[in-house]
C-alpha atoms as a PDB file:
ATOM      1  CA  UNK A   1    -173.263  82.396 -16.402  1.00  0.00           C
ATOM      2  CA  UNK A   2    -176.752  83.463 -15.475  1.00  0.00           C
ATOM      3  CA  UNK A   3    -178.613  81.220 -17.929  1.00  0.00           C
ATOM      4  CA  UNK A   4    -177.647  77.605 -17.400  1.00  0.00           C
ATOM      5  CA  UNK A   5    -179.134  74.522 -19.007  1.00  0.00           C
ATOM      6  CA  UNK A   6    -181.028  73.736 -15.789  1.00  0.00           C
ATOM      7  CA  UNK A   7    -182.634  77.186 -15.685  1.00  0.00           C
ATOM      8  CA  UNK A   8    -183.714  76.874 -19.313  1.00  0.00           C
ATOM      9  CA  UNK A   9    -185.235  73.454 -18.676  1.00  0.00           C
ATOM     10  CA  UNK A  10    -187.150  74.827 -15.692  1.00  0.00           C
ATOM     11  CA  UNK A  11    -188.477  77.748 -17.732  1.00  0.00           C
ATOM     12  CA  UNK A  12    -189.647  75.520 -20.590  1.00  0.00           C
ATOM     13  CA  UNK A  13    -191.110  72.979 -18.180  1.00  0.00           C
ATOM     14  CA  UNK A  14    -193.071  75.628 -16.292  1.00  0.00           C
ATOM     15  CA  UNK A  15    -194.289  77.780 -19.178  1.00  0.00           C
ATOM     16  CA  UNK A  16    -194.025  75.555 -22.254  1.00  0.00           C
ATOM     17  CA  UNK A  17    -195.820  72.338 -23.032  1.00  0.00           C
ATOM     18  CA  UNK A  18    -192.860  70.213 -21.877  1.00  0.00           C
ATOM     19  CA  UNK A  19    -189.133  70.605 -21.270  1.00  0.00           C
ATOM     20  CA  UNK A  20    -188.136  69.177 -24.672  1.00  0.00           C
ATOM     21  CA  UNK A  21    -190.437  71.513 -26.631  1.00  0.00           C
ATOM     22  CA  UNK A  22    -188.281  74.617 -26.824  1.00  0.00           C
ATOM     23  CA  UNK A  23    -190.143  75.970 -29.839  1.00  0.00           C
ATOM     24  CA  UNK A  24    -193.468  76.737 -28.185  1.00  0.00           C
ATOM     25  CA  UNK A  25    -194.381  80.400 -28.217  1.00  0.00           C
ATOM     26  CA  UNK A  26    -195.099  80.436 -24.480  1.00  0.00           C
ATOM     27  CA  UNK A  27    -191.719  78.921 -23.640  1.00  0.00           C
ATOM     28  CA  UNK A  28    -189.852  81.361 -25.857  1.00  0.00           C
ATOM     29  CA  UNK A  29    -191.748  84.328 -24.400  1.00  0.00           C
ATOM     30  CA  UNK A  30    -190.912  83.163 -20.871  1.00  0.00           C
ATOM     31  CA  UNK A  31    -187.231  82.753 -21.790  1.00  0.00           C
ATOM     32  CA  UNK A  32    -187.116  86.209 -23.380  1.00  0.00           C
ATOM     33  CA  UNK A  33    -188.776  87.660 -20.275  1.00  0.00           C
ATOM     34  CA  UNK A  34    -186.142  86.059 -18.037  1.00  0.00           C
ATOM     35  CA  UNK A  35    -183.344  87.466 -20.200  1.00  0.00           C
ATOM     36  CA  UNK A  36    -185.006  90.909 -20.373  1.00  0.00           C
ATOM     37  CA  UNK A  37    -185.287  91.061 -16.591  1.00  0.00           C
ATOM     38  CA  UNK A  38    -181.622  90.105 -16.222  1.00  0.00           C
ATOM     39  CA  UNK A  39    -180.452  92.724 -18.736  1.00  0.00           C
ATOM     40  CA  UNK A  40    -182.639  95.378 -17.099  1.00  0.00           C
ATOM     41  CA  UNK A  41    -180.950  94.758 -13.755  1.00  0.00           C
ATOM     42  CA  UNK A  42    -177.543  94.907 -15.447  1.00  0.00           C
ATOM     43  CA  UNK A  43    -178.373  98.247 -17.072  1.00  0.00           C
ATOM     44  CA  UNK A  44    -179.463  99.751 -13.763  1.00  0.00           C
ATOM     45  CA  UNK A  45    -175.881  99.335 -12.550  1.00  0.00           C
ATOM     46  CA  UNK A  46    -174.108 100.001 -15.879  1.00  0.00           C
ATOM     47  CA  UNK A  47    -175.890 102.959 -17.437  1.00  0.00           C
ATOM     48  CA  UNK A  48    -173.362 103.486 -20.237  1.00  0.00           C
ATOM     49  CA  UNK A  49    -173.399  99.906 -21.556  1.00  0.00           C
ATOM     50  CA  UNK A  50    -174.963 100.722 -24.903  1.00  0.00           C
ATOM     51  CA  UNK A  51    -174.356  97.307 -26.472  1.00  0.00           C
ATOM     52  CA  UNK A  52    -176.436  95.662 -23.770  1.00  0.00           C
ATOM     53  CA  UNK A  53    -179.082  98.343 -24.186  1.00  0.00           C
ATOM     54  CA  UNK A  54    -179.315  97.536 -27.890  1.00  0.00           C
ATOM     55  CA  UNK A  55    -179.587  93.815 -27.106  1.00  0.00           C
ATOM     56  CA  UNK A  56    -182.363  94.558 -24.646  1.00  0.00           C
ATOM     57  CA  UNK A  57    -184.333  96.530 -27.234  1.00  0.00           C
ATOM     58  CA  UNK A  58    -183.941  93.685 -29.749  1.00  0.00           C
ATOM     59  CA  UNK A  59    -185.160  91.122 -27.196  1.00  0.00           C
ATOM     60  CA  UNK A  60    -188.178  93.234 -26.342  1.00  0.00           C
ATOM     61  CA  UNK A  61    -189.001  93.420 -30.053  1.00  0.00           C
ATOM     62  CA  UNK A  62    -188.715  89.655 -30.455  1.00  0.00           C
ATOM     63  CA  UNK A  63    -190.967  89.076 -27.455  1.00  0.00           C
ATOM     64  CA  UNK A  64    -193.473  91.590 -28.793  1.00  0.00           C
ATOM     65  CA  UNK A  65    -193.524  89.781 -32.161  1.00  0.00           C
ATOM     66  CA  UNK A  66    -194.222  86.454 -30.453  1.00  0.00           C
ATOM     67  CA  UNK A  67    -196.966  88.026 -28.340  1.00  0.00           C
ATOM     68  CA  UNK A  68    -198.534  89.497 -31.488  1.00  0.00           C
ATOM     69  CA  UNK A  69    -198.383  86.060 -33.105  1.00  0.00           C
ATOM     70  CA  UNK A  70    -200.145  84.510 -30.114  1.00  0.00           C
ATOM     71  CA  UNK A  71    -202.790  87.244 -30.211  1.00  0.00           C
ATOM     72  CA  UNK A  72    -203.663  86.333 -33.796  1.00  0.00           C
ATOM     73  CA  UNK A  73    -203.322  82.573 -33.309  1.00  0.00           C
ATOM     74  CA  UNK A  74    -205.031  81.968 -29.949  1.00  0.00           C
ATOM     75  CA  UNK A  75    -206.148  84.853 -27.722  1.00  0.00           C
ATOM     76  CA  UNK A  76    -206.688  82.589 -24.701  1.00  0.00           C
ATOM     77  CA  UNK A  77    -203.063  81.378 -24.733  1.00  0.00           C
ATOM     78  CA  UNK A  78    -201.962  85.016 -25.073  1.00  0.00           C
ATOM     79  CA  UNK A  79    -204.006  86.122 -22.077  1.00  0.00           C
ATOM     80  CA  UNK A  80    -202.778  83.184 -20.004  1.00  0.00           C
ATOM     81  CA  UNK A  81    -199.069  83.854 -20.651  1.00  0.00           C
ATOM     82  CA  UNK A  82    -199.414  87.609 -20.082  1.00  0.00           C
ATOM     83  CA  UNK A  83    -201.153  86.988 -16.768  1.00  0.00           C
ATOM     84  CA  UNK A  84    -198.696  84.264 -15.732  1.00  0.00           C
ATOM     85  CA  UNK A  85    -195.600  86.388 -16.454  1.00  0.00           C
ATOM     86  CA  UNK A  86    -197.122  89.623 -15.182  1.00  0.00           C
ATOM     87  CA  UNK A  87    -196.546  91.549 -18.405  1.00  0.00           C
ATOM     88  CA  UNK A  88    -198.193  94.868 -19.042  1.00  0.00           C
ATOM     89  CA  UNK A  89    -200.706  94.714 -21.891  1.00  0.00           C
END
């Protein structure tokens, strides 16, 4: 499995406030970005996997909603996470 407990802990430790706080917007955005990147690579090899494509679109929408929330809540946190993850926009 590509997403183990250790990988999740590392993501939340690096981008969230701490490893135990899995509910922070930054941590969730970083986790969604990791999953989106993995699914994108999968779809490059499996072009006709439409279920994965639908999952990818849903994840992108969830990440976008969290980024919109951060924009309204705290623009500095939004700018920091976008720069840190290298997201467009």
